Amino acid sequence: MKNHIPNIETRPQEEIREFQDKQLLKMLAYVSTHSKYYSSLFEEKGIDISAIHGCDDLIKLPLTTKDDLCKHNEDFICVPHEKIVDYITTSGTLGDPVTFAMTDKDLDRLAYNEYLSLSCAGGSEKDIFQLMTTIDRRFMAGLAYFLGARRLGAGIIRVGNGMPELQWDTIKRMKPSAFIVVPSFLLKLIEYAESNNINYRDTGVKKAICIGESLRNPDFSLTTLGKKIIEKWDIDLYSTYASTEMSTAFTECEHAHGGHHHPELIIVEFLDDNNKPVAATEAGEVTVTTLGVEGMPLLRFKTGDICYHYTEPCACGRTTTRLGPVIGRKKQMIKFKGTTLYPPALFDILDNIDGIENYVVEVFTNDIGTDEILIRIGTKEADEHFETRLKDHFRAKLRVAPSIVIDSVENIDKIKFPEESRKAISFIDKRI
């Protein structure tokens, strides 16, 4: 391994595919023997895994959905309970939370994954990472970053989410070189620093590994959120895409042209609405098969996330497939007045309007059975023309204008940060 890049990630695509063919056969043999869910499914569908010879045959195998995980959660577990050392729960963004059982081997795999992820973002044993995501409440992300930094040999400061005052006190005392953070929280840190005469540009912090919110548009240009951060604080921003179900991250390198695939950990497909593979020029639903997972491996799991993908070699030396920014979640697609929208398009507009402190986007079904959008906006600067200007801005950008409700910043914060949630909530789907 040179510069933290495994050899397999620099090989020609044909060699990577041959490697994954072998790993897929091992995975199928494992789940057919140890997974009650998959062994029953194979029997029910009449699937003979000996007829599967590699990734080209994935199309012959059944898909796994979030509904399957919710309905048959226990049946996916492949190990006796005495082998489970950690229980993870998904955030339930698109439905009921699902529990994932992890063995000691799975935690080692998680550490290796995040070691690769941090390395991809230029991390090394010389770094000190300030962790601004929760490591408790059965949340995978914080645990993964802690294990990855430890594997990398770097320092990590487990501050957790929120608490700008504590974050700045920690920065002053322990002098981290990098943040692991939800990007919008960086703006909160900057706002706090400006209000308290803190010279945030002179801290020694060089980069931020950003999770949970998009930093880039499909053409890899910065979103409004990314631009706002960079305009204030000239640090390197790295996007990373991951989910509990895949136990794997796709993280940008310094060239910022998509998150890199780690073929030793996961097989990834991009499927259209008919579950057929899309061309590299088309957006498809990210669908993953986990490799090397012992507790709860998944076969062809549909994430619900829509992305473009890229197969040409990267300037960093990796030849693996790269994922573009998430365009949206399939279940969050909105058909509004004849226009197809995803929440990130709305977020990008709202992030670019002065005077908006915070917001929540709600979607519901109207009296005639079609989608309606209501945006609740927290602001301290609204005048009688504020709502009209907002709607004109939406029409200019999207050709349609949602309903707007002006509220206090404090009330919107209560909606965005409910006590039981581990993530900020910006989109609420109330459709029937």
Protein backbone atom coordinates (compact mmCIF):
# COMPACT_ATOMS: atom_id res chain seq x y z
CA MET A 1 0.00 0.00 0.00
CA LYS A 2 1.56 3.28 -1.18
CA ASN A 3 0.37 6.61 0.18
CA HIS A 4 -2.51 4.74 1.83
CA ILE A 5 -3.90 3.64 -1.58
CA PRO A 6 -4.46 -0.14 -1.75
CA ASN A 7 -3.02 -1.77 -4.86
CA ILE A 8 -6.45 -2.96 -6.07
CA GLU A 9 -7.61 0.67 -6.32
CA THR A 10 -4.97 1.50 -8.94
CA ARG A 11 -5.48 -1.54 -11.18
CA PRO A 12 -7.27 -1.52 -14.58
CA GLN A 13 -11.05 -1.76 -14.37
CA GLU A 14 -10.94 -5.30 -15.85
CA GLU A 15 -8.73 -6.52 -12.99
CA ILE A 16 -10.95 -4.82 -10.43
CA ARG A 17 -13.98 -6.57 -11.94
CA GLU A 18 -12.22 -9.98 -11.85
CA PHE A 19 -11.34 -9.40 -8.20
CA GLN A 20 -14.93 -8.47 -7.38
CA ASP A 21 -16.27 -11.50 -9.26
CA LYS A 22 -14.41 -13.75 -6.82
CA GLN A 23 -15.50 -11.73 -3.79
CA LEU A 24 -19.14 -11.88 -4.91
CA LEU A 25 -19.06 -15.68 -5.06
CA LYS A 26 -17.68 -15.80 -1.52
CA MET A 27 -20.41 -13.44 -0.35
CA LEU A 28 -23.17 -15.51 -1.98
CA ALA A 29 -21.86 -18.72 -0.44
CA TYR A 30 -21.82 -17.03 2.97
CA VAL A 31 -25.36 -15.62 2.90
CA SER A 32 -26.87 -18.78 1.42
CA THR A 33 -25.48 -20.66 4.42
CA HIS A 34 -25.80 -18.13 7.26
CA SER A 35 -28.64 -15.73 6.35
CA LYS A 36 -32.16 -16.94 7.07
CA TYR A 37 -33.52 -14.19 4.85
CA TYR A 38 -31.36 -14.84 1.78
CA SER A 39 -31.38 -18.64 2.00
CA SER A 40 -35.20 -18.58 2.13
CA LEU A 41 -35.35 -16.05 -0.70
CA PHE A 42 -33.05 -18.10 -2.93
CA GLU A 43 -35.20 -21.17 -2.31
CA GLU A 44 -38.44 -19.27 -2.94
CA LYS A 45 -37.14 -17.73 -6.20
CA GLY A 46 -35.46 -20.95 -7.37
CA ILE A 47 -32.04 -19.31 -7.50
CA ASP A 48 -29.03 -21.60 -7.87
CA ILE A 49 -26.02 -19.55 -6.79
CA SER A 50 -23.69 -21.97 -8.61
CA ALA A 51 -25.07 -20.44 -11.83
CA ILE A 52 -23.74 -17.02 -10.77
CA HIS A 53 -20.21 -16.51 -12.11
CA GLY A 54 -19.55 -12.86 -11.29
CA CYS A 55 -20.79 -9.29 -11.29
CA ASP A 56 -22.24 -9.55 -14.80
CA ASP A 57 -24.78 -11.99 -13.34
CA LEU A 58 -25.93 -9.66 -10.57
CA ILE A 59 -28.98 -8.80 -12.67
CA LYS A 60 -30.17 -12.40 -12.09
CA LEU A 61 -30.25 -11.91 -8.33
CA PRO A 62 -33.03 -10.32 -6.27
CA LEU A 63 -32.84 -6.78 -4.95
CA THR A 64 -33.01 -5.85 -1.27
CA THR A 65 -35.04 -2.83 -0.17
CA LYS A 66 -35.41 -0.82 3.02
CA ASP A 67 -38.87 -2.39 3.41
CA ASP A 68 -37.27 -5.85 3.39
CA LEU A 69 -34.90 -4.78 6.17
CA CYS A 70 -37.75 -3.34 8.23
CA LYS A 71 -40.02 -6.37 7.86
CA HIS A 72 -37.35 -9.07 8.32
CA ASN A 73 -34.67 -7.30 10.37
CA GLU A 74 -33.69 -10.30 12.54
CA ASP A 75 -33.60 -12.69 9.57
CA PHE A 76 -30.72 -10.75 8.00
CA ILE A 77 -28.42 -11.44 10.97
CA CYS A 78 -25.89 -14.13 10.05
CA VAL A 79 -24.20 -14.75 13.40
CA PRO A 80 -25.30 -16.00 16.84
CA HIS A 81 -26.04 -13.22 19.32
CA GLU A 82 -22.95 -13.99 21.37
CA LYS A 83 -20.79 -12.89 18.40
CA ILE A 84 -22.45 -9.46 18.20
CA VAL A 85 -20.32 -6.80 19.89
CA ASP A 86 -22.07 -3.61 18.75
CA TYR A 87 -25.60 -2.65 17.75
CA ILE A 88 -26.08 0.15 15.22
CA THR A 89 -29.39 1.77 14.30
CA THR A 90 -30.12 3.67 11.10
CA SER A 91 -31.47 7.20 11.39
CA GLY A 92 -34.81 6.27 9.81
CA THR A 93 -34.65 9.08 7.23
CA LEU A 94 -37.05 7.31 4.86
CA GLY A 95 -38.88 5.00 7.27
CA ASP A 96 -38.56 3.03 10.48
CA PRO A 97 -35.02 2.66 11.87
CA VAL A 98 -33.28 -0.68 11.27
CA THR A 99 -30.88 -2.34 13.70
CA PHE A 100 -27.55 -3.62 12.38
CA ALA A 101 -25.59 -6.24 14.30
CA MET A 102 -21.83 -5.89 14.10
CA THR A 103 -19.17 -8.41 15.04
CA ASP A 104 -15.60 -7.71 16.05
CA LYS A 105 -14.58 -8.43 12.46
CA ASP A 106 -17.16 -5.91 11.22
CA LEU A 107 -15.71 -3.21 13.45
CA ASP A 108 -12.25 -3.96 12.04
CA ARG A 109 -13.72 -3.61 8.54
CA LEU A 110 -15.37 -0.32 9.54
CA ALA A 111 -12.05 0.97 10.84
CA TYR A 112 -10.33 -0.02 7.58
CA ASN A 113 -13.06 1.68 5.53
CA GLU A 114 -12.75 4.96 7.39
CA TYR A 115 -8.96 4.74 7.35
CA LEU A 116 -9.25 4.67 3.55
CA SER A 117 -11.81 7.48 3.63
CA LEU A 118 -9.70 9.81 5.77
CA SER A 119 -6.62 8.95 3.72
CA CYS A 120 -8.50 9.78 0.52
CA ALA A 121 -9.18 13.23 1.98
CA GLY A 122 -5.48 13.78 2.58
CA GLY A 123 -5.48 12.62 6.20
CA SER A 124 -2.38 11.16 7.85
CA GLU A 125 -0.96 10.18 11.22
CA LYS A 126 0.11 13.84 11.62
CA ASP A 127 -3.50 15.03 11.78
CA ILE A 128 -5.70 15.76 14.77
CA PHE A 129 -9.36 15.45 13.82
CA GLN A 130 -12.06 17.27 15.79
CA LEU A 131 -15.14 15.04 15.61
CA MET A 132 -18.32 17.13 15.46
CA THR A 133 -20.77 14.26 14.95
CA THR A 134 -22.26 12.10 17.66
CA ILE A 135 -20.50 8.88 18.59
CA ASP A 136 -23.29 7.64 20.87
CA ARG A 137 -27.03 6.90 20.46
CA ARG A 138 -26.29 3.83 18.29
CA PHE A 139 -25.01 6.06 15.46
CA MET A 140 -22.50 4.52 13.05
CA ALA A 141 -20.80 7.61 11.62
CA GLY A 142 -19.10 8.90 14.75
CA LEU A 143 -17.92 5.41 15.70
CA ALA A 144 -16.58 4.84 12.17
CA TYR A 145 -14.60 8.06 12.19
CA PHE A 146 -13.14 7.33 15.61
CA LEU A 147 -12.05 3.83 14.55
CA GLY A 148 -10.69 5.11 11.22
CA ALA A 149 -8.61 7.87 12.79
CA ARG A 150 -7.21 5.35 15.27
CA ARG A 151 -6.30 3.00 12.41
CA LEU A 152 -4.67 5.92 10.58
CA GLY A 153 -2.60 6.75 13.65
CA ALA A 154 -4.08 10.25 13.85
CA GLY A 155 -5.43 12.03 16.91
CA ILE A 156 -9.16 12.50 17.36
CA ILE A 157 -11.06 14.78 19.73
CA ARG A 158 -14.60 13.53 20.43
CA VAL A 159 -16.52 16.74 21.01
CA GLY A 160 -19.80 15.64 19.41
CA ASN A 161 -22.34 17.76 17.56
CA GLY A 162 -23.49 21.31 18.34
CA MET A 163 -22.12 23.46 21.19
CA PRO A 164 -20.15 26.15 19.29
CA GLU A 165 -18.64 27.52 22.51
CA LEU A 166 -17.21 24.12 23.45
CA GLN A 167 -16.02 23.56 19.89
CA TRP A 168 -14.06 26.82 19.93
CA ASP A 169 -12.67 26.16 23.37
CA THR A 170 -11.45 22.77 22.10
CA ILE A 171 -9.92 24.32 18.97
CA LYS A 172 -8.04 26.83 21.11
CA ARG A 173 -6.78 24.24 23.61
CA MET A 174 -6.03 21.21 21.41
CA LYS A 175 -5.29 22.78 18.02
CA PRO A 176 -6.89 20.28 15.61
CA SER A 177 -5.77 20.27 11.97
CA ALA A 178 -9.06 18.97 10.55
CA PHE A 179 -12.79 18.81 11.27
CA ILE A 180 -15.29 16.01 10.71
CA VAL A 181 -18.53 17.94 10.46
CA VAL A 182 -21.91 18.57 8.86
CA PRO A 183 -21.01 21.50 6.56
CA SER A 184 -23.84 23.85 7.60
CA PHE A 185 -22.47 23.68 11.15
CA LEU A 186 -19.27 25.31 9.87
CA LEU A 187 -21.35 28.42 9.18
CA LYS A 188 -22.61 28.27 12.77
CA LEU A 189 -18.99 28.11 13.98
CA ILE A 190 -18.05 31.08 11.82
CA GLU A 191 -21.07 33.07 13.05
CA TYR A 192 -20.14 32.34 16.67
CA ALA A 193 -16.50 33.29 16.04
CA GLU A 194 -17.46 36.59 14.42
CA SER A 195 -19.81 37.41 17.31
CA ASN A 196 -17.10 36.65 19.88
CA ASN A 197 -14.06 38.20 18.18
CA ILE A 198 -12.41 34.84 17.46
CA ASN A 199 -9.87 34.88 14.62
CA TYR A 200 -11.12 31.68 13.02
CA ARG A 201 -8.88 32.04 9.97
CA ASP A 202 -5.77 31.64 12.10
CA THR A 203 -6.38 28.32 13.85
CA GLY A 204 -4.21 25.77 12.04
CA VAL A 205 -7.30 23.98 10.71
CA LYS A 206 -6.58 23.01 7.10
CA LYS A 207 -9.52 20.85 6.03
CA ALA A 208 -13.01 19.59 6.82
CA ILE A 209 -14.40 16.15 5.99
CA CYS A 210 -18.08 16.93 5.46
CA ILE A 211 -21.01 14.55 5.89
CA GLY A 212 -24.78 14.66 5.65
CA GLU A 213 -25.19 17.60 3.24
CA SER A 214 -24.13 18.12 -0.34
CA LEU A 215 -21.16 20.38 -1.03
CA ARG A 216 -21.13 19.98 -4.80
CA ASN A 217 -23.47 20.18 -7.76
CA PRO A 218 -23.58 17.40 -10.38
CA ASP A 219 -20.87 19.25 -12.37
CA PHE A 220 -18.66 19.25 -9.21
CA SER A 221 -18.90 23.00 -8.72
CA LEU A 222 -19.55 24.05 -5.14
CA THR A 223 -23.14 24.39 -3.98
CA THR A 224 -24.23 27.66 -2.43
CA LEU A 225 -23.49 26.16 0.98
CA GLY A 226 -19.96 25.22 -0.10
CA LYS A 227 -19.35 28.68 -1.59
CA LYS A 228 -20.54 30.41 1.59
CA ILE A 229 -18.08 28.41 3.68
CA ILE A 230 -15.13 29.01 1.36
CA GLU A 231 -15.88 32.73 1.05
CA LYS A 232 -15.56 33.02 4.82
CA TRP A 233 -12.93 30.42 5.65
CA ASP A 234 -10.38 29.21 3.11
CA ILE A 235 -10.10 25.57 4.14
CA ASP A 236 -10.20 22.43 2.00
CA LEU A 237 -13.64 20.79 1.92
CA TYR A 238 -14.05 17.07 1.21
CA SER A 239 -17.44 15.50 0.55
CA THR A 240 -18.12 11.98 1.72
CA TYR A 241 -21.12 9.74 0.97
CA ALA A 242 -21.98 6.73 3.09
CA SER A 243 -24.83 4.91 4.82
CA THR A 244 -25.19 2.47 7.69
CA GLU A 245 -26.46 -0.22 5.33
CA MET A 246 -23.31 -0.23 3.19
CA SER A 247 -20.81 0.26 6.07
CA THR A 248 -18.61 1.90 3.45
CA ALA A 249 -17.78 5.48 2.47
CA PHE A 250 -17.17 7.10 -0.92
CA THR A 251 -14.92 10.09 -0.22
CA GLU A 252 -13.41 12.74 -2.47
CA CYS A 253 -9.67 13.06 -2.97
CA GLU A 254 -7.98 16.42 -3.45
CA HIS A 255 -9.18 16.59 -7.07
CA ALA A 256 -12.85 16.79 -5.96
CA HIS A 257 -14.33 14.84 -8.86
CA GLY A 258 -16.46 12.31 -7.01
CA GLY A 259 -16.23 9.91 -4.11
CA HIS A 260 -13.88 6.98 -4.66
CA HIS A 261 -15.13 3.41 -4.65
CA HIS A 262 -13.27 0.86 -2.52
CA PRO A 263 -13.76 -2.40 -4.46
CA GLU A 264 -12.43 -4.59 -1.65
CA LEU A 265 -15.38 -3.49 0.49
CA ILE A 266 -18.38 -3.10 -1.77
CA ILE A 267 -19.85 -3.80 -5.20
CA VAL A 268 -21.84 -0.87 -6.58
CA GLU A 269 -24.45 -0.75 -9.34
CA PHE A 270 -26.41 2.18 -10.78
CA LEU A 271 -29.95 1.21 -11.80
CA ASP A 272 -32.82 2.89 -13.65
CA ASP A 273 -36.52 2.79 -12.75
CA ASN A 274 -36.75 -0.70 -14.26
CA ASN A 275 -33.76 -1.93 -12.22
CA LYS A 276 -31.54 -2.10 -15.28
CA PRO A 277 -27.95 -0.75 -15.27
CA VAL A 278 -27.59 2.81 -16.58
CA ALA A 279 -24.85 4.16 -18.81
CA ALA A 280 -22.15 6.36 -17.26
CA THR A 281 -23.87 9.40 -18.80
CA GLU A 282 -27.15 8.69 -16.96
CA ALA A 283 -28.14 9.07 -13.33
CA GLY A 284 -29.05 5.86 -11.52
CA GLU A 285 -30.03 4.58 -8.11
CA VAL A 286 -27.00 3.54 -6.07
CA THR A 287 -27.37 -0.18 -5.34
CA VAL A 288 -24.76 -1.98 -3.25
CA THR A 289 -23.57 -5.45 -2.31
CA THR A 290 -21.39 -5.48 0.79
CA LEU A 291 -18.17 -7.52 0.86
CA GLY A 292 -16.47 -8.84 3.98
CA VAL A 293 -19.41 -8.11 6.30
CA GLU A 294 -20.01 -10.85 8.85
CA GLY A 295 -23.00 -9.71 10.92
CA MET A 296 -25.50 -8.40 8.35
CA PRO A 297 -24.25 -8.54 4.75
CA LEU A 298 -26.60 -7.14 2.11
CA LEU A 299 -27.11 -8.26 -1.49
CA ARG A 300 -28.07 -5.63 -4.07
CA PHE A 301 -29.42 -3.16 -1.51
CA LYS A 302 -31.22 -0.19 -3.10
CA THR A 303 -30.11 2.92 -1.23
CA GLY A 304 -32.72 5.23 -2.74
CA ASP A 305 -29.97 7.74 -3.66
CA ILE A 306 -29.68 8.95 -7.25
CA CYS A 307 -26.15 9.64 -8.58
CA TYR A 308 -24.06 9.84 -11.71
CA HIS A 309 -20.90 7.73 -11.83
CA TYR A 310 -17.54 8.05 -13.58
CA THR A 311 -15.12 5.35 -14.67
CA GLU A 312 -12.14 7.23 -16.15
CA PRO A 313 -8.97 7.19 -13.98
CA CYS A 314 -8.54 9.98 -11.45
CA ALA A 315 -5.49 12.26 -11.34
CA CYS A 316 -4.79 10.94 -7.82
CA GLY A 317 -3.81 7.55 -9.28
CA ARG A 318 -6.96 5.62 -8.39
CA THR A 319 -8.73 3.84 -11.23
CA THR A 320 -11.87 2.96 -9.29
CA THR A 321 -15.38 4.15 -10.12
CA ARG A 322 -16.32 7.52 -8.64
CA LEU A 323 -19.74 8.59 -7.41
CA GLY A 324 -20.98 12.05 -8.25
CA PRO A 325 -22.94 14.15 -5.72
CA VAL A 326 -26.32 12.77 -4.68
CA ILE A 327 -28.94 14.43 -6.86
CA GLY A 328 -31.71 13.35 -4.52
CA ARG A 329 -33.42 10.40 -2.90
CA LYS A 330 -35.77 8.41 -5.09
CA LYS A 331 -38.56 8.49 -2.48
CA GLN A 332 -38.10 12.24 -2.05
CA MET A 333 -38.74 13.11 -5.70
CA ILE A 334 -41.38 15.85 -5.92
CA LYS A 335 -43.74 16.38 -8.87
CA PHE A 336 -44.80 19.99 -8.37
CA LYS A 337 -46.94 21.80 -10.95
CA GLY A 338 -45.49 19.67 -13.76
CA THR A 339 -41.87 20.09 -12.62
CA THR A 340 -39.77 17.25 -11.16
CA LEU A 341 -37.72 18.42 -8.18
CA TYR A 342 -35.49 16.97 -5.48
CA PRO A 343 -35.01 18.69 -2.10
CA PRO A 344 -31.33 19.64 -2.74
CA ALA A 345 -32.48 21.99 -5.55
CA LEU A 346 -34.68 23.81 -3.06
CA PHE A 347 -31.96 23.85 -0.39
CA ASP A 348 -29.46 25.42 -2.78
CA ILE A 349 -31.80 28.30 -3.55
CA LEU A 350 -32.64 28.89 0.12
CA ASP A 351 -28.96 28.82 1.11
CA ASN A 352 -28.31 31.62 -1.39
CA ILE A 353 -30.85 34.13 -0.08
CA ASP A 354 -29.68 36.74 2.41
CA GLY A 355 -31.81 37.08 5.51
CA ILE A 356 -32.81 33.41 5.76
CA GLU A 357 -31.45 32.08 9.06
CA ASN A 358 -32.92 28.57 8.82
CA TYR A 359 -35.70 26.67 7.07
CA VAL A 360 -37.62 23.41 6.77
CA VAL A 361 -39.17 22.11 3.53
CA GLU A 362 -42.45 20.21 3.88
CA VAL A 363 -44.16 18.24 1.11
CA PHE A 364 -47.78 17.05 1.38
CA THR A 365 -50.62 15.78 -0.78
CA ASN A 366 -53.23 18.40 -1.67
CA ASP A 367 -56.98 17.98 -2.16
CA ILE A 368 -56.62 16.82 -5.75
CA GLY A 369 -53.93 14.24 -4.93
CA THR A 370 -50.84 16.05 -6.23
CA ASP A 371 -47.69 17.26 -4.45
CA GLU A 372 -47.58 20.61 -2.66
CA ILE A 373 -44.51 22.31 -1.19
CA LEU A 374 -44.54 24.45 1.94
CA ILE A 375 -41.32 26.11 3.09
CA ARG A 376 -41.12 27.34 6.68
CA ILE A 377 -38.50 30.06 6.94
CA GLY A 378 -36.84 31.47 10.03
CA THR A 379 -35.73 35.06 9.59
CA LYS A 380 -35.24 38.26 11.56
CA GLU A 381 -35.32 40.53 8.52
CA ALA A 382 -38.66 39.89 6.84
CA ASP A 383 -40.57 42.90 5.54
CA GLU A 384 -43.90 43.02 3.69
CA HIS A 385 -42.21 42.23 0.37
CA PHE A 386 -39.95 39.41 1.60
CA GLU A 387 -42.30 36.57 0.65
CA THR A 388 -42.91 38.03 -2.82
CA ARG A 389 -39.18 38.33 -3.47
CA LEU A 390 -38.69 34.72 -2.37
CA LYS A 391 -41.36 33.41 -4.72
CA ASP A 392 -39.96 35.44 -7.61
CA HIS A 393 -36.54 33.94 -6.90
CA PHE A 394 -37.95 30.39 -7.02
CA ARG A 395 -39.78 31.11 -10.28
CA ALA A 396 -36.59 32.44 -11.83
CA LYS A 397 -34.61 29.35 -10.84
CA LEU A 398 -37.18 26.52 -11.02
CA ARG A 399 -40.13 28.05 -12.94
CA VAL A 400 -42.45 27.29 -10.00
CA ALA A 401 -42.96 28.88 -6.58
CA PRO A 402 -43.80 26.98 -3.36
CA SER A 403 -45.93 28.27 -0.50
CA ILE A 404 -43.96 30.25 2.10
CA VAL A 405 -44.55 30.62 5.84
CA ILE A 406 -42.43 33.11 7.79
CA ASP A 407 -41.62 32.03 11.34
CA SER A 408 -39.12 32.76 14.09
CA VAL A 409 -35.62 31.32 13.97
CA GLU A 410 -36.25 29.68 17.36
CA ASN A 411 -39.41 27.86 16.17
CA ILE A 412 -37.70 26.54 13.04
CA ASP A 413 -34.79 25.30 15.15
CA LYS A 414 -37.24 23.28 17.26
CA ILE A 415 -38.49 21.57 14.10
CA LYS A 416 -35.00 21.03 12.65
CA PHE A 417 -33.46 19.62 15.82
CA PRO A 418 -36.02 17.43 17.63
CA GLU A 419 -34.66 15.77 20.77
CA GLU A 420 -35.03 12.24 19.45
CA SER A 421 -33.19 12.91 16.17
CA ARG A 422 -29.44 12.50 15.60
CA LYS A 423 -29.48 14.62 12.46
CA ALA A 424 -30.79 18.04 11.53
CA ILE A 425 -34.09 17.71 9.66
CA SER A 426 -34.48 19.95 6.61
CA PHE A 427 -37.08 17.91 4.68
CA ILE A 428 -40.37 16.55 6.02
CA ASP A 429 -42.46 14.32 3.75
CA LYS A 430 -46.15 14.31 4.74
CA ARG A 431 -47.47 12.85 1.49
CA ILE A 432 -50.19 10.21 1.69
